[in-house]
Amino acid sequence: MEAFDQATQLELKKFVEQETQKAQMQQTIHEFTGRCWESCITQAKSNQLDSKETACLQNCVNRFVDTSVFIVKRLQNLQQ
């Protein structure tokens, strides 16, 4: 990293942090989707979800995402 000037190093560090946060959020969403799948899909009847299963999955994942976003914003506010 010494080959880069200080501004480039800071920019690279910020980029890596942002990409790490994105990856963590994607992993979290993946985990929540798995949990929601187990909660909402009791048996695979066909190759398509029925309306209740679809609504349950959407609601479940949205609540987890809302909670995660709230926590991230709260932590950011505490750091400032």
PDB file of N, CA and C in Angstrom:
ATOM      1  N   MET A   1       0.826  -1.199   0.000  1.00  0.00           N
ATOM      2  CA  MET A   1       0.000   0.000   0.000  1.00  0.00           C
ATOM      3  C   MET A   1       0.869   1.262   0.000  1.00  0.00           C
ATOM      4  N   GLU A   2       2.133   1.134   0.308  1.00  0.00           N
ATOM      5  CA  GLU A   2       2.984   2.309   0.355  1.00  0.00           C
ATOM      6  C   GLU A   2       3.205   2.903  -1.027  1.00  0.00           C
ATOM      7  N   ALA A   3       2.890   2.159  -2.083  1.00  0.00           N
ATOM      8  CA  ALA A   3       3.058   2.668  -3.443  1.00  0.00           C
ATOM      9  C   ALA A   3       2.007   3.729  -3.762  1.00  0.00           C
ATOM     10  N   PHE A   4       0.914   3.766  -3.005  1.00  0.00           N
ATOM     11  CA  PHE A   4      -0.154   4.738  -3.228  1.00  0.00           C
ATOM     12  C   PHE A   4       0.023   5.942  -2.310  1.00  0.00           C
ATOM     13  N   ASP A   5      -0.415   7.094  -2.800  1.00  0.00           N
ATOM     14  CA  ASP A   5      -0.382   8.276  -1.936  1.00  0.00           C
ATOM     15  C   ASP A   5      -1.482   8.152  -0.878  1.00  0.00           C
ATOM     16  N   GLN A   6      -1.468   9.034   0.097  1.00  0.00           N
ATOM     17  CA  GLN A   6      -2.387   8.936   1.233  1.00  0.00           C
ATOM     18  C   GLN A   6      -3.849   9.044   0.794  1.00  0.00           C
ATOM     19  N   ALA A   7      -4.151   9.930  -0.144  1.00  0.00           N
ATOM     20  CA  ALA A   7      -5.535  10.094  -0.610  1.00  0.00           C
ATOM     21  C   ALA A   7      -6.025   8.814  -1.271  1.00  0.00           C
ATOM     22  N   THR A   8      -5.186   8.191  -2.076  1.00  0.00           N
ATOM     23  CA  THR A   8      -5.565   6.948  -2.753  1.00  0.00           C
ATOM     24  C   THR A   8      -5.756   5.830  -1.737  1.00  0.00           C
ATOM     25  N   GLN A   9      -4.887   5.781  -0.733  1.00  0.00           N
ATOM     26  CA  GLN A   9      -5.018   4.776   0.312  1.00  0.00           C
ATOM     27  C   GLN A   9      -6.343   4.924   1.059  1.00  0.00           C
ATOM     28  N   LEU A  10      -6.710   6.159   1.385  1.00  0.00           N
ATOM     29  CA  LEU A  10      -7.982   6.406   2.083  1.00  0.00           C
ATOM     30  C   LEU A  10      -9.167   6.030   1.207  1.00  0.00           C
ATOM     31  N   GLU A  11      -9.095   6.373  -0.064  1.00  0.00           N
ATOM     32  CA  GLU A  11     -10.172   6.036  -0.988  1.00  0.00           C
ATOM     33  C   GLU A  11     -10.312   4.517  -1.124  1.00  0.00           C
ATOM     34  N   LEU A  12      -9.199   3.822  -1.234  1.00  0.00           N
ATOM     35  CA  LEU A  12      -9.216   2.364  -1.333  1.00  0.00           C
ATOM     36  C   LEU A  12      -9.764   1.731  -0.059  1.00  0.00           C
ATOM     37  N   LYS A  13      -9.346   2.265   1.092  1.00  0.00           N
ATOM     38  CA  LYS A  13      -9.837   1.748   2.369  1.00  0.00           C
ATOM     39  C   LYS A  13     -11.351   1.925   2.470  1.00  0.00           C
ATOM     40  N   LYS A  14     -11.847   3.090   2.090  1.00  0.00           N
ATOM     41  CA  LYS A  14     -13.282   3.359   2.132  1.00  0.00           C
ATOM     42  C   LYS A  14     -14.028   2.420   1.189  1.00  0.00           C
ATOM     43  N   PHE A  15     -13.486   2.209   0.003  1.00  0.00           N
ATOM     44  CA  PHE A  15     -14.117   1.306  -0.965  1.00  0.00           C
ATOM     45  C   PHE A  15     -14.201  -0.113  -0.394  1.00  0.00           C
ATOM     46  N   VAL A  16     -13.115  -0.595   0.185  1.00  0.00           N
ATOM     47  CA  VAL A  16     -13.099  -1.944   0.755  1.00  0.00           C
ATOM     48  C   VAL A  16     -14.110  -2.056   1.890  1.00  0.00           C
ATOM     49  N   GLU A  17     -14.203  -1.048   2.731  1.00  0.00           N
ATOM     50  CA  GLU A  17     -15.175  -1.060   3.827  1.00  0.00           C
ATOM     51  C   GLU A  17     -16.601  -1.110   3.297  1.00  0.00           C
ATOM     52  N   GLN A  18     -16.889  -0.319   2.264  1.00  0.00           N
ATOM     53  CA  GLN A  18     -18.229  -0.317   1.680  1.00  0.00           C
ATOM     54  C   GLN A  18     -18.572  -1.670   1.073  1.00  0.00           C
ATOM     55  N   GLU A  19     -17.618  -2.260   0.365  1.00  0.00           N
ATOM     56  CA  GLU A  19     -17.857  -3.568  -0.251  1.00  0.00           C
ATOM     57  C   GLU A  19     -18.036  -4.650   0.812  1.00  0.00           C
ATOM     58  N   THR A  20     -17.311  -4.538   1.913  1.00  0.00           N
ATOM     59  CA  THR A  20     -17.454  -5.481   3.013  1.00  0.00           C
ATOM     60  C   THR A  20     -18.845  -5.360   3.631  1.00  0.00           C
ATOM     61  N   GLN A  21     -19.311  -4.131   3.809  1.00  0.00           N
ATOM     62  CA  GLN A  21     -20.652  -3.914   4.345  1.00  0.00           C
ATOM     63  C   GLN A  21     -21.716  -4.482   3.408  1.00  0.00           C
ATOM     64  N   LYS A  22     -21.541  -4.285   2.119  1.00  0.00           N
ATOM     65  CA  LYS A  22     -22.494  -4.836   1.138  1.00  0.00           C
ATOM     66  C   LYS A  22     -22.523  -6.361   1.225  1.00  0.00           C
ATOM     67  N   ALA A  23     -21.358  -6.967   1.309  1.00  0.00           N
ATOM     68  CA  ALA A  23     -21.275  -8.426   1.386  1.00  0.00           C
ATOM     69  C   ALA A  23     -21.934  -8.937   2.671  1.00  0.00           C
ATOM     70  N   GLN A  24     -21.729  -8.231   3.770  1.00  0.00           N
ATOM     71  CA  GLN A  24     -22.348  -8.633   5.031  1.00  0.00           C
ATOM     72  C   GLN A  24     -23.865  -8.518   4.947  1.00  0.00           C
ATOM     73  N   MET A  25     -24.348  -7.463   4.321  1.00  0.00           N
ATOM     74  CA  MET A  25     -25.796  -7.289   4.180  1.00  0.00           C
ATOM     75  C   MET A  25     -26.379  -8.387   3.292  1.00  0.00           C
ATOM     76  N   GLN A  26     -25.698  -8.709   2.208  1.00  0.00           N
ATOM     77  CA  GLN A  26     -26.169  -9.779   1.330  1.00  0.00           C
ATOM     78  C   GLN A  26     -26.195 -11.116   2.064  1.00  0.00           C
ATOM     79  N   GLN A  27     -25.185 -11.388   2.864  1.00  0.00           N
ATOM     80  CA  GLN A  27     -25.145 -12.629   3.642  1.00  0.00           C
ATOM     81  C   GLN A  27     -26.291 -12.657   4.645  1.00  0.00           C
ATOM     82  N   THR A  28     -26.536 -11.541   5.282  1.00  0.00           N
ATOM     83  CA  THR A  28     -27.635 -11.450   6.244  1.00  0.00           C
ATOM     84  C   THR A  28     -28.970 -11.701   5.562  1.00  0.00           C
ATOM     85  N   ILE A  29     -29.179 -11.080   4.414  1.00  0.00           N
ATOM     86  CA  ILE A  29     -30.427 -11.285   3.676  1.00  0.00           C
ATOM     87  C   ILE A  29     -30.565 -12.746   3.272  1.00  0.00           C
ATOM     88  N   HIS A  30     -29.467 -13.351   2.857  1.00  0.00           N
ATOM     89  CA  HIS A  30     -29.491 -14.766   2.491  1.00  0.00           C
ATOM     90  C   HIS A  30     -29.906 -15.631   3.686  1.00  0.00           C
ATOM     91  N   GLU A  31     -29.342 -15.353   4.842  1.00  0.00           N
ATOM     92  CA  GLU A  31     -29.690 -16.104   6.052  1.00  0.00           C
ATOM     93  C   GLU A  31     -31.163 -15.904   6.414  1.00  0.00           C
ATOM     94  N   PHE A  32     -31.623 -14.665   6.352  1.00  0.00           N
ATOM     95  CA  PHE A  32     -33.018 -14.382   6.685  1.00  0.00           C
ATOM     96  C   PHE A  32     -33.963 -15.053   5.701  1.00  0.00           C
ATOM     97  N   THR A  33     -33.586 -15.056   4.438  1.00  0.00           N
ATOM     98  CA  THR A  33     -34.419 -15.708   3.438  1.00  0.00           C
ATOM     99  C   THR A  33     -34.547 -17.195   3.752  1.00  0.00           C
ATOM    100  N   GLY A  34     -33.451 -17.810   4.163  1.00  0.00           N
ATOM    101  CA  GLY A  34     -33.502 -19.223   4.553  1.00  0.00           C
ATOM    102  C   GLY A  34     -34.413 -19.450   5.750  1.00  0.00           C
ATOM    103  N   ARG A  35     -34.295 -18.583   6.732  1.00  0.00           N
ATOM    104  CA  ARG A  35     -35.163 -18.695   7.914  1.00  0.00           C
ATOM    105  C   ARG A  35     -36.629 -18.494   7.535  1.00  0.00           C
ATOM    106  N   CYS A  36     -36.865 -17.497   6.696  1.00  0.00           N
ATOM    107  CA  CYS A  36     -38.239 -17.221   6.280  1.00  0.00           C
ATOM    108  C   CYS A  36     -38.796 -18.377   5.452  1.00  0.00           C
ATOM    109  N   TRP A  37     -37.947 -18.960   4.616  1.00  0.00           N
ATOM    110  CA  TRP A  37     -38.384 -20.104   3.808  1.00  0.00           C
ATOM    111  C   TRP A  37     -38.865 -21.225   4.717  1.00  0.00           C
ATOM    112  N   GLU A  38     -38.085 -21.513   5.744  1.00  0.00           N
ATOM    113  CA  GLU A  38     -38.451 -22.577   6.673  1.00  0.00           C
ATOM    114  C   GLU A  38     -39.745 -22.256   7.420  1.00  0.00           C
ATOM    115  N   SER A  39     -39.975 -20.975   7.698  1.00  0.00           N
ATOM    116  CA  SER A  39     -41.186 -20.573   8.417  1.00  0.00           C
ATOM    117  C   SER A  39     -42.422 -20.552   7.531  1.00  0.00           C
ATOM    118  N   CYS A  40     -42.237 -20.156   6.269  1.00  0.00           N
ATOM    119  CA  CYS A  40     -43.390 -19.909   5.395  1.00  0.00           C
ATOM    120  C   CYS A  40     -43.746 -21.074   4.474  1.00  0.00           C
ATOM    121  N   ILE A  41     -42.778 -21.896   4.142  1.00  0.00           N
ATOM    122  CA  ILE A  41     -43.022 -22.983   3.199  1.00  0.00           C
ATOM    123  C   ILE A  41     -43.062 -24.288   3.986  1.00  0.00           C
ATOM    124  N   THR A  42     -44.266 -24.787   4.184  1.00  0.00           N
ATOM    125  CA  THR A  42     -44.413 -25.994   4.995  1.00  0.00           C
ATOM    126  C   THR A  42     -44.258 -27.266   4.172  1.00  0.00           C
ATOM    127  N   GLN A  43     -44.642 -27.202   2.916  1.00  0.00           N
ATOM    128  CA  GLN A  43     -44.440 -28.340   2.032  1.00  0.00           C
ATOM    129  C   GLN A  43     -44.454 -27.862   0.590  1.00  0.00           C
ATOM    130  N   ALA A  44     -43.586 -28.432  -0.217  1.00  0.00           N
ATOM    131  CA  ALA A  44     -43.499 -28.043  -1.626  1.00  0.00           C
ATOM    132  C   ALA A  44     -44.573 -28.798  -2.398  1.00  0.00           C
ATOM    133  N   LYS A  45     -45.625 -28.066  -2.761  1.00  0.00           N
ATOM    134  CA  LYS A  45     -46.741 -28.697  -3.462  1.00  0.00           C
ATOM    135  C   LYS A  45     -46.529 -28.710  -4.968  1.00  0.00           C
ATOM    136  N   SER A  46     -45.848 -27.681  -5.461  1.00  0.00           N
ATOM    137  CA  SER A  46     -45.602 -27.582  -6.898  1.00  0.00           C
ATOM    138  C   SER A  46     -44.331 -26.775  -7.110  1.00  0.00           C
ATOM    139  N   ASN A  47     -44.068 -26.447  -8.367  1.00  0.00           N
ATOM    140  CA  ASN A  47     -42.862 -25.668  -8.648  1.00  0.00           C
ATOM    141  C   ASN A  47     -43.102 -24.162  -8.518  1.00  0.00           C
ATOM    142  N   GLN A  48     -44.280 -23.781  -8.035  1.00  0.00           N
ATOM    143  CA  GLN A  48     -44.595 -22.372  -7.813  1.00  0.00           C
ATOM    144  C   GLN A  48     -45.150 -22.185  -6.415  1.00  0.00           C
ATOM    145  N   LEU A  49     -44.912 -20.994  -5.872  1.00  0.00           N
ATOM    146  CA  LEU A  49     -45.438 -20.667  -4.548  1.00  0.00           C
ATOM    147  C   LEU A  49     -46.877 -20.177  -4.686  1.00  0.00           C
ATOM    148  N   ASP A  50     -47.700 -20.497  -3.692  1.00  0.00           N
ATOM    149  CA  ASP A  50     -49.043 -19.931  -3.716  1.00  0.00           C
ATOM    150  C   ASP A  50     -48.999 -18.517  -3.133  1.00  0.00           C
ATOM    151  N   SER A  51     -50.103 -17.821  -3.198  1.00  0.00           N
ATOM    152  CA  SER A  51     -50.129 -16.410  -2.793  1.00  0.00           C
ATOM    153  C   SER A  51     -49.820 -16.227  -1.305  1.00  0.00           C
ATOM    154  N   LYS A  52     -50.280 -17.152  -0.458  1.00  0.00           N
ATOM    155  CA  LYS A  52     -49.996 -17.045   0.980  1.00  0.00           C
ATOM    156  C   LYS A  52     -48.503 -17.217   1.256  1.00  0.00           C
ATOM    157  N   GLU A  53     -47.888 -18.177   0.580  1.00  0.00           N
ATOM    158  CA  GLU A  53     -46.457 -18.404   0.770  1.00  0.00           C
ATOM    159  C   GLU A  53     -45.653 -17.197   0.293  1.00  0.00           C
ATOM    160  N   THR A  54     -46.028 -16.657  -0.857  1.00  0.00           N
ATOM    161  CA  THR A  54     -45.334 -15.491  -1.401  1.00  0.00           C
ATOM    162  C   THR A  54     -45.448 -14.298  -0.458  1.00  0.00           C
ATOM    163  N   ALA A  55     -46.656 -14.036   0.008  1.00  0.00           N
ATOM    164  CA  ALA A  55     -46.871 -12.917   0.928  1.00  0.00           C
ATOM    165  C   ALA A  55     -46.097 -13.120   2.231  1.00  0.00           C
ATOM    166  N   CYS A  56     -46.099 -14.328   2.744  1.00  0.00           N
ATOM    167  CA  CYS A  56     -45.381 -14.629   3.981  1.00  0.00           C
ATOM    168  C   CYS A  56     -43.882 -14.387   3.804  1.00  0.00           C
ATOM    169  N   LEU A  57     -43.316 -14.881   2.705  1.00  0.00           N
ATOM    170  CA  LEU A  57     -41.889 -14.689   2.446  1.00  0.00           C
ATOM    171  C   LEU A  57     -41.538 -13.215   2.308  1.00  0.00           C
ATOM    172  N   GLN A  58     -42.345 -12.493   1.544  1.00  0.00           N
ATOM    173  CA  GLN A  58     -42.065 -11.063   1.354  1.00  0.00           C
ATOM    174  C   GLN A  58     -42.128 -10.312   2.677  1.00  0.00           C
ATOM    175  N   ASN A  59     -43.146 -10.570   3.458  1.00  0.00           N
ATOM    176  CA  ASN A  59     -43.304  -9.890   4.740  1.00  0.00           C
ATOM    177  C   ASN A  59     -42.165 -10.244   5.692  1.00  0.00           C
ATOM    178  N   CYS A  60     -41.827 -11.502   5.753  1.00  0.00           N
ATOM    179  CA  CYS A  60     -40.775 -11.959   6.655  1.00  0.00           C
ATOM    180  C   CYS A  60     -39.431 -11.320   6.301  1.00  0.00           C
ATOM    181  N   VAL A  61     -39.039 -11.391   5.042  1.00  0.00           N
ATOM    182  CA  VAL A  61     -37.759 -10.831   4.620  1.00  0.00           C
ATOM    183  C   VAL A  61     -37.759  -9.310   4.799  1.00  0.00           C
ATOM    184  N   ASN A  62     -38.849  -8.660   4.438  1.00  0.00           N
ATOM    185  CA  ASN A  62     -38.923  -7.199   4.594  1.00  0.00           C
ATOM    186  C   ASN A  62     -38.749  -6.775   6.048  1.00  0.00           C
ATOM    187  N   ARG A  63     -39.317  -7.525   6.982  1.00  0.00           N
ATOM    188  CA  ARG A  63     -39.164  -7.176   8.399  1.00  0.00           C
ATOM    189  C   ARG A  63     -37.710  -7.318   8.834  1.00  0.00           C
ATOM    190  N   PHE A  64     -37.052  -8.367   8.379  1.00  0.00           N
ATOM    191  CA  PHE A  64     -35.643  -8.541   8.719  1.00  0.00           C
ATOM    192  C   PHE A  64     -34.788  -7.432   8.113  1.00  0.00           C
ATOM    193  N   VAL A  65     -35.071  -7.074   6.866  1.00  0.00           N
ATOM    194  CA  VAL A  65     -34.313  -6.006   6.214  1.00  0.00           C
ATOM    195  C   VAL A  65     -34.557  -4.685   6.937  1.00  0.00           C
ATOM    196  N   ASP A  66     -35.804  -4.375   7.243  1.00  0.00           N
ATOM    197  CA  ASP A  66     -36.123  -3.147   7.972  1.00  0.00           C
ATOM    198  C   ASP A  66     -35.364  -3.086   9.298  1.00  0.00           C
ATOM    199  N   THR A  67     -35.335  -4.200   9.996  1.00  0.00           N
ATOM    200  CA  THR A  67     -34.638  -4.258  11.278  1.00  0.00           C
ATOM    201  C   THR A  67     -33.137  -4.043  11.093  1.00  0.00           C
ATOM    202  N   SER A  68     -32.576  -4.688  10.085  1.00  0.00           N
ATOM    203  CA  SER A  68     -31.137  -4.541   9.825  1.00  0.00           C
ATOM    204  C   SER A  68     -30.783  -3.102   9.468  1.00  0.00           C
ATOM    205  N   VAL A  69     -31.573  -2.485   8.631  1.00  0.00           N
ATOM    206  CA  VAL A  69     -31.322  -1.099   8.236  1.00  0.00           C
ATOM    207  C   VAL A  69     -31.423  -0.184   9.459  1.00  0.00           C
ATOM    208  N   PHE A  70     -32.429  -0.409  10.288  1.00  0.00           N
ATOM    209  CA  PHE A  70     -32.591   0.387  11.498  1.00  0.00           C
ATOM    210  C   PHE A  70     -31.356   0.267  12.387  1.00  0.00           C
ATOM    211  N   ILE A  71     -30.870  -0.957  12.579  1.00  0.00           N
ATOM    212  CA  ILE A  71     -29.709  -1.180  13.435  1.00  0.00           C
ATOM    213  C   ILE A  71     -28.472  -0.503  12.860  1.00  0.00           C
ATOM    214  N   VAL A  72     -28.258  -0.621  11.553  1.00  0.00           N
ATOM    215  CA  VAL A  72     -27.099   0.006  10.913  1.00  0.00           C
ATOM    216  C   VAL A  72     -27.160   1.523  11.087  1.00  0.00           C
ATOM    217  N   LYS A  73     -28.318   2.123  10.841  1.00  0.00           N
ATOM    218  CA  LYS A  73     -28.461   3.570  10.991  1.00  0.00           C
ATOM    219  C   LYS A  73     -28.231   3.994  12.447  1.00  0.00           C
ATOM    220  N   ARG A  74     -28.733   3.205  13.360  1.00  0.00           N
ATOM    221  CA  ARG A  74     -28.575   3.513  14.778  1.00  0.00           C
ATOM    222  C   ARG A  74     -27.091   3.479  15.159  1.00  0.00           C
ATOM    223  N   LEU A  75     -26.378   2.463  14.689  1.00  0.00           N
ATOM    224  CA  LEU A  75     -24.959   2.357  14.987  1.00  0.00           C
ATOM    225  C   LEU A  75     -24.174   3.497  14.352  1.00  0.00           C
ATOM    226  N   GLN A  76     -24.557   3.893  13.133  1.00  0.00           N
ATOM    227  CA  GLN A  76     -23.892   5.011  12.476  1.00  0.00           C
ATOM    228  C   GLN A  76     -24.096   6.300  13.255  1.00  0.00           C
ATOM    229  N   ASN A  77     -25.315   6.511  13.753  1.00  0.00           N
ATOM    230  CA  ASN A  77     -25.595   7.710  14.551  1.00  0.00           C
ATOM    231  C   ASN A  77     -24.810   7.728  15.860  1.00  0.00           C
ATOM    232  N   LEU A  78     -24.621   6.566  16.448  1.00  0.00           N
ATOM    233  CA  LEU A  78     -23.850   6.488  17.683  1.00  0.00           C
ATOM    234  C   LEU A  78     -22.372   6.772  17.449  1.00  0.00           C
ATOM    235  N   GLN A  79     -21.874   6.440  16.262  1.00  0.00           N
ATOM    236  CA  GLN A  79     -20.465   6.680  15.939  1.00  0.00           C
ATOM    237  C   GLN A  79     -20.174   8.154  15.658  1.00  0.00           C
ATOM    238  N   GLN A  80     -21.182   8.911  15.311  1.00  0.00           N
ATOM    239  CA  GLN A  80     -20.984  10.322  14.957  1.00  0.00           C
ATOM    240  C   GLN A  80     -20.897  11.204  16.164  1.00  0.00           C
TER     241      GLN A  80
END
